[in-house]
C-alpha atoms as a PDB file:
ATOM      1  CA  MET A   1      17.719 -44.277 -39.495  1.00  0.00           C
ATOM      2  CA  SER A   2      21.420 -43.691 -40.888  1.00  0.00           C
ATOM      3  CA  ASN A   3      24.013 -46.417 -40.472  1.00  0.00           C
ATOM      4  CA  ASP A   4      26.464 -43.829 -38.753  1.00  0.00           C
ATOM      5  CA  PRO A   5      26.985 -44.356 -35.306  1.00  0.00           C
ATOM      6  CA  TYR A   6      27.276 -40.920 -34.085  1.00  0.00           C
ATOM      7  CA  HIS A   7      23.866 -40.260 -35.280  1.00  0.00           C
ATOM      8  CA  ALA A   8      22.133 -43.286 -33.342  1.00  0.00           C
ATOM      9  CA  GLY A   9      19.397 -41.083 -31.813  1.00  0.00           C
ATOM     10  CA  THR A  10      18.342 -37.857 -31.378  1.00  0.00           C
ATOM     11  CA  ALA A  11      20.988 -34.702 -30.362  1.00  0.00           C
ATOM     12  CA  ASP A  12      19.661 -34.630 -26.818  1.00  0.00           C
ATOM     13  CA  GLU A  13      20.331 -38.430 -26.458  1.00  0.00           C
ATOM     14  CA  LEU A  14      23.554 -38.925 -28.051  1.00  0.00           C
ATOM     15  CA  PRO A  15      25.981 -37.609 -25.071  1.00  0.00           C
ATOM     16  CA  SER A  16      23.985 -39.708 -22.440  1.00  0.00           C
ATOM     17  CA  ILE A  17      24.314 -42.843 -25.084  1.00  0.00           C
ATOM     18  CA  GLU A  18      27.906 -42.204 -25.224  1.00  0.00           C
ATOM     19  CA  GLU A  19      28.476 -41.786 -21.551  1.00  0.00           C
ATOM     20  CA  GLN A  20      26.608 -44.755 -20.990  1.00  0.00           C
ATOM     21  CA  LEU A  21      29.038 -46.694 -23.924  1.00  0.00           C
ATOM     22  CA  VAL A  22      32.309 -45.426 -22.176  1.00  0.00           C
ATOM     23  CA  ALA A  23      30.848 -46.548 -18.641  1.00  0.00           C
ATOM     24  CA  TYR A  24      29.726 -49.802 -19.826  1.00  0.00           C
ATOM     25  CA  LEU A  25      33.220 -50.388 -21.276  1.00  0.00           C
ATOM     26  CA  ASP A  26      34.854 -49.182 -18.182  1.00  0.00           C
ATOM     27  CA  GLY A  27      32.519 -51.533 -15.662  1.00  0.00           C
ATOM     28  CA  GLU A  28      30.663 -48.928 -14.067  1.00  0.00           C
ATOM     29  CA  LEU A  29      27.309 -49.136 -14.631  1.00  0.00           C
ATOM     30  CA  ASP A  30      24.999 -50.652 -12.202  1.00  0.00           C
ATOM     31  CA  ASP A  31      23.484 -54.792 -13.111  1.00  0.00           C
ATOM     32  CA  GLU A  32      20.299 -52.801 -14.356  1.00  0.00           C
ATOM     33  CA  SER A  33      21.744 -50.364 -16.287  1.00  0.00           C
ATOM     34  CA  SER A  34      24.042 -53.049 -18.133  1.00  0.00           C
ATOM     35  CA  ARG A  35      21.208 -55.270 -18.887  1.00  0.00           C
ATOM     36  CA  SER A  36      19.226 -52.206 -20.276  1.00  0.00           C
ATOM     37  CA  LEU A  37      22.309 -51.352 -22.410  1.00  0.00           C
ATOM     38  CA  GLU A  38      22.941 -54.660 -23.403  1.00  0.00           C
ATOM     39  CA  GLN A  39      19.262 -55.253 -24.449  1.00  0.00           C
ATOM     40  CA  ARG A  40      19.774 -52.255 -26.625  1.00  0.00           C
ATOM     41  CA  LEU A  41      22.900 -53.471 -28.488  1.00  0.00           C
ATOM     42  CA  ALA A  42      21.015 -56.248 -29.324  1.00  0.00           C
ATOM     43  CA  THR A  43      18.536 -54.678 -31.182  1.00  0.00           C
ATOM     44  CA  ASP A  44      20.541 -51.775 -32.509  1.00  0.00           C
ATOM     45  CA  SER A  45      23.233 -52.470 -35.152  1.00  0.00           C
ATOM     46  CA  THR A  46      24.218 -48.988 -35.188  1.00  0.00           C
ATOM     47  CA  LEU A  47      24.814 -48.638 -31.074  1.00  0.00           C
ATOM     48  CA  ARG A  48      27.066 -51.917 -31.538  1.00  0.00           C
ATOM     49  CA  LEU A  49      28.903 -49.855 -34.208  1.00  0.00           C
ATOM     50  CA  GLN A  50      29.633 -47.321 -32.123  1.00  0.00           C
ATOM     51  CA  LEU A  51      30.334 -49.614 -28.584  1.00  0.00           C
ATOM     52  CA  GLY A  52      32.827 -51.497 -31.589  1.00  0.00           C
ATOM     53  CA  ARG A  53      34.531 -47.979 -32.686  1.00  0.00           C
ATOM     54  CA  LEU A  54      35.109 -47.118 -28.935  1.00  0.00           C
ATOM     55  CA  GLU A  55      36.418 -50.844 -27.658  1.00  0.00           C
ATOM     56  CA  ARG A  56      39.049 -50.166 -30.820  1.00  0.00           C
ATOM     57  CA  THR A  57      39.916 -47.030 -29.705  1.00  0.00           C
ATOM     58  CA  TRP A  58      40.521 -48.483 -25.665  1.00  0.00           C
ATOM     59  CA  ASP A  59      42.430 -50.903 -27.265  1.00  0.00           C
ATOM     60  CA  LEU A  60      44.730 -48.491 -29.512  1.00  0.00           C
ATOM     61  CA  LEU A  61      45.289 -46.679 -26.209  1.00  0.00           C
ATOM     62  CA  ASP A  62      46.207 -49.652 -24.349  1.00  0.00           C
ATOM     63  CA  GLN A  63      49.274 -50.150 -27.492  1.00  0.00           C
ATOM     64  CA  LEU A  64      50.617 -46.643 -26.796  1.00  0.00           C
ATOM     65  CA  GLY A  65      53.918 -46.601 -24.927  1.00  0.00           C
ATOM     66  CA  ARG A  66      54.042 -45.076 -21.764  1.00  0.00           C
ATOM     67  CA  ALA A  67      56.103 -41.987 -21.314  1.00  0.00           C
ATOM     68  CA  GLU A  68      58.698 -42.270 -18.428  1.00  0.00           C
ATOM     69  CA  VAL A  69      59.583 -39.677 -16.119  1.00  0.00           C
ATOM     70  CA  GLY A  70      62.817 -39.165 -14.755  1.00  0.00           C
ATOM     71  CA  GLU A  71      63.926 -38.888 -11.165  1.00  0.00           C
ATOM     72  CA  THR A  72      64.282 -35.018 -12.172  1.00  0.00           C
ATOM     73  CA  PHE A  73      61.097 -34.722 -12.951  1.00  0.00           C
ATOM     74  CA  THR A  74      59.739 -36.140 -10.006  1.00  0.00           C
ATOM     75  CA  ARG A  75      61.896 -34.411  -7.800  1.00  0.00           C
ATOM     76  CA  THR A  76      61.037 -30.838  -9.441  1.00  0.00           C
ATOM     77  CA  THR A  77      57.329 -31.456  -9.530  1.00  0.00           C
ATOM     78  CA  ILE A  78      57.497 -32.345  -5.547  1.00  0.00           C
ATOM     79  CA  GLU A  79      59.382 -29.415  -4.860  1.00  0.00           C
ATOM     80  CA  MET A  80      56.740 -27.053  -6.960  1.00  0.00           C
ATOM     81  CA  VAL A  81      53.833 -28.812  -5.219  1.00  0.00           C
ATOM     82  CA  ALA A  82      55.895 -28.280  -1.532  1.00  0.00           C
ATOM     83  CA  LEU A  83      56.742 -24.719  -2.738  1.00  0.00           C
ATOM     84  CA  ALA A  84      53.290 -24.015  -3.603  1.00  0.00           C
ATOM     85  CA  ALA A  85      51.933 -25.329  -0.511  1.00  0.00           C
ATOM     86  CA  GLU A  86      54.038 -22.755   1.414  1.00  0.00           C
ATOM     87  CA  GLN A  87      53.263 -19.742  -0.478  1.00  0.00           C
ATOM     88  CA  GLU A  88      49.966 -20.626   0.097  1.00  0.00           C
ATOM     89  CA  GLN A  89      50.582 -21.176   3.287  1.00  0.00           C
ATOM     90  CA  ARG A  90      52.215 -17.849   3.941  1.00  0.00           C
ATOM     91  CA  GLN A  91      49.376 -15.693   2.174  1.00  0.00           C
ATOM     92  CA  GLU A  92      47.025 -17.579   4.379  1.00  0.00           C
ATOM     93  CA  GLU A  93      49.001 -16.443   7.580  1.00  0.00           C
ATOM     94  CA  ALA A  94      49.318 -13.226   5.996  1.00  0.00           C
ATOM     95  CA  GLU A  95      45.403 -12.775   5.363  1.00  0.00           C
ATOM     96  CA  ARG A  96      44.578 -13.877   9.159  1.00  0.00           C
ATOM     97  CA  PRO A  97      45.039 -10.228  10.805  1.00  0.00           C
ATOM     98  CA  ILE A  98      42.873  -8.884   7.783  1.00  0.00           C
ATOM     99  CA  ARG A  99      39.894 -11.338   8.229  1.00  0.00           C
ATOM    100  CA  ARG A 100      40.003 -10.654  11.835  1.00  0.00           C
ATOM    101  CA  ARG A 101      40.100  -7.175  11.636  1.00  0.00           C
ATOM    102  CA  ARG A 102      37.062  -7.240   8.671  1.00  0.00           C
ATOM    103  CA  ARG A 103      35.227  -9.078  10.948  1.00  0.00           C
ATOM    104  CA  LEU A 104      35.608  -7.037  14.214  1.00  0.00           C
ATOM    105  CA  LEU A 105      34.919  -4.302  12.253  1.00  0.00           C
ATOM    106  CA  GLY A 106      31.807  -5.694  11.084  1.00  0.00           C
ATOM    107  CA  ALA A 107      30.891  -6.920  14.086  1.00  0.00           C
ATOM    108  CA  ALA A 108      31.515  -3.128  15.444  1.00  0.00           C
ATOM    109  CA  ALA A 109      29.274  -1.877  12.648  1.00  0.00           C
ATOM    110  CA  GLY A 110      26.529  -4.511  13.399  1.00  0.00           C
ATOM    111  CA  ILE A 111      26.737  -3.284  17.129  1.00  0.00           C
ATOM    112  CA  LEU A 112      26.829   0.457  16.175  1.00  0.00           C
ATOM    113  CA  ALA A 113      23.658  -0.145  13.608  1.00  0.00           C
ATOM    114  CA  SER A 114      21.759  -2.056  15.935  1.00  0.00           C
ATOM    115  CA  SER A 115      22.133   0.217  18.726  1.00  0.00           C
ATOM    116  CA  ALA A 116      21.179   3.181  16.338  1.00  0.00           C
ATOM    117  CA  ALA A 117      18.106   0.904  15.184  1.00  0.00           C
ATOM    118  CA  GLY A 118      17.348   0.561  19.093  1.00  0.00           C
ATOM    119  CA  PHE A 119      17.334   4.245  19.811  1.00  0.00           C
ATOM    120  CA  VAL A 120      15.357   5.239  16.671  1.00  0.00           C
ATOM    121  CA  LEU A 121      12.984   2.722  17.941  1.00  0.00           C
ATOM    122  CA  VAL A 122      12.407   3.775  21.683  1.00  0.00           C
ATOM    123  CA  TRP A 123      12.921   7.187  20.779  1.00  0.00           C
ATOM    124  CA  ALA A 124       9.997   7.049  18.361  1.00  0.00           C
ATOM    125  CA  LEU A 125       7.838   4.458  20.306  1.00  0.00           C
ATOM    126  CA  TRP A 126       7.985   5.680  24.043  1.00  0.00           C
ATOM    127  CA  PRO A 127       5.673   7.952  25.108  1.00  0.00           C
ATOM    128  CA  ASN A 128       7.005  11.719  26.066  1.00  0.00           C
ATOM    129  CA  PRO A 129       5.991  12.291  29.866  1.00  0.00           C
ATOM    130  CA  ASN A 130       6.212  16.229  28.719  1.00  0.00           C
ATOM    131  CA  ARG A 131       3.948  16.104  25.763  1.00  0.00           C
ATOM    132  CA  GLN A 132       0.724  16.308  27.618  1.00  0.00           C
ATOM    133  CA  LEU A 133       2.640  19.135  29.415  1.00  0.00           C
ATOM    134  CA  LEU A 134       3.158  21.106  26.101  1.00  0.00           C
ATOM    135  CA  GLU A 135      -0.256  20.689  24.820  1.00  0.00           C
ATOM    136  CA  ASP A 136      -1.411  22.047  28.336  1.00  0.00           C
ATOM    137  CA  LEU A 137       1.105  24.895  28.232  1.00  0.00           C
ATOM    138  CA  PRO A 138      -1.554  27.533  27.045  1.00  0.00           C
ATOM    139  CA  VAL A 139      -4.190  26.554  29.887  1.00  0.00           C
ATOM    140  CA  LEU A 140      -1.556  26.475  32.666  1.00  0.00           C
ATOM    141  CA  GLU A 141       0.124  29.827  31.588  1.00  0.00           C
ATOM    142  CA  SER A 142      -3.539  31.228  32.215  1.00  0.00           C
ATOM    143  CA  LEU A 143      -4.286  29.237  35.356  1.00  0.00           C
ATOM    144  CA  ASP A 144      -4.459  32.092  37.665  1.00  0.00           C
ATOM    145  CA  GLU A 145      -6.776  34.128  35.386  1.00  0.00           C
ATOM    146  CA  TYR A 146      -8.575  30.825  34.950  1.00  0.00           C
ATOM    147  CA  GLN A 147      -8.997  30.398  38.792  1.00  0.00           C
ATOM    148  CA  GLN A 148     -10.759  33.881  39.230  1.00  0.00           C
ATOM    149  CA  ILE A 149     -13.736  32.571  37.163  1.00  0.00           C
ATOM    150  CA  ASP A 150     -16.852  31.688  39.321  1.00  0.00           C
ATOM    151  CA  GLY A 151     -18.451  29.271  36.480  1.00  0.00           C
ATOM    152  CA  ILE A 152     -18.986  28.889  33.257  1.00  0.00           C
ATOM    153  CA  GLU A 153     -21.986  31.290  33.302  1.00  0.00           C
ATOM    154  CA  PHE A 154     -19.257  34.339  33.450  1.00  0.00           C
ATOM    155  CA  LEU A 155     -17.474  32.603  30.408  1.00  0.00           C
ATOM    156  CA  GLU A 156     -20.632  32.505  28.578  1.00  0.00           C
ATOM    157  CA  LEU A 157     -21.609  35.881  29.346  1.00  0.00           C
ATOM    158  CA  LEU A 158     -18.282  37.174  27.825  1.00  0.00           C
ATOM    159  CA  HIS A 159     -18.514  34.995  24.750  1.00  0.00           C
ATOM    160  CA  GLU A 160     -22.288  36.667  24.268  1.00  0.00           C
ATOM    161  CA  ARG A 161     -20.632  40.294  24.775  1.00  0.00           C
ATOM    162  CA  GLY A 162     -17.824  39.149  21.734  1.00  0.00           C
ATOM    163  CA  VAL A 163     -14.942  39.479  24.177  1.00  0.00           C
ATOM    164  CA  PHE A 164     -13.629  36.279  22.528  1.00  0.00           C
ATOM    165  CA  ALA A 165     -14.151  37.299  19.197  1.00  0.00           C
ATOM    166  CA  GLY A 166     -10.559  38.297  18.062  1.00  0.00           C
ATOM    167  CA  GLU A 167      -9.403  35.058  19.349  1.00  0.00           C
ATOM    168  CA  GLY A 168     -10.917  32.819  16.564  1.00  0.00           C
ATOM    169  CA  ASP A 169     -15.025  32.591  17.191  1.00  0.00           C
ATOM    170  CA  HIS A 170     -15.790  29.038  18.061  1.00  0.00           C
ATOM    171  CA  ASP A 171     -19.589  28.415  18.042  1.00  0.00           C
ATOM    172  CA  GLY A 172     -21.303  27.095  20.894  1.00  0.00           C
ATOM    173  CA  VAL A 173     -19.090  28.027  23.727  1.00  0.00           C
END
């Protein structure tokens, strides 16, 4: 293992350790994590070096002078924020009717699609009362002629003589 604190662990472990050290310096770790990190610091000199460098960096940051901002900067910043908020409100008010119109059109399209789907389902699944009549139409058209027949024996006799031969010969009837 090298003495370089930035190579104190595996590549996957490095960000986690550095984050833990920063959180430790900021006092953001819970008691258990702090104890665990302190035990590791007691045994790992490379990790102690890394912590020392981070502490010195923090100390140097504290020594830097703070930038002073004037009243003009504060006022213009507040004005910019107020102006941005006002523009955002105007934009939202302008978009409100558009969103309302889109919702109404979406609802209308949904109702129309539901109605069409319902119509198709009813049309496809509802029994057609005229279907049986259409299937029986050839029989109904010749009903008067069929009523003239006395019985099945007469039809069998016509069949034997070949009267029905032109109408697609059916064996047995």
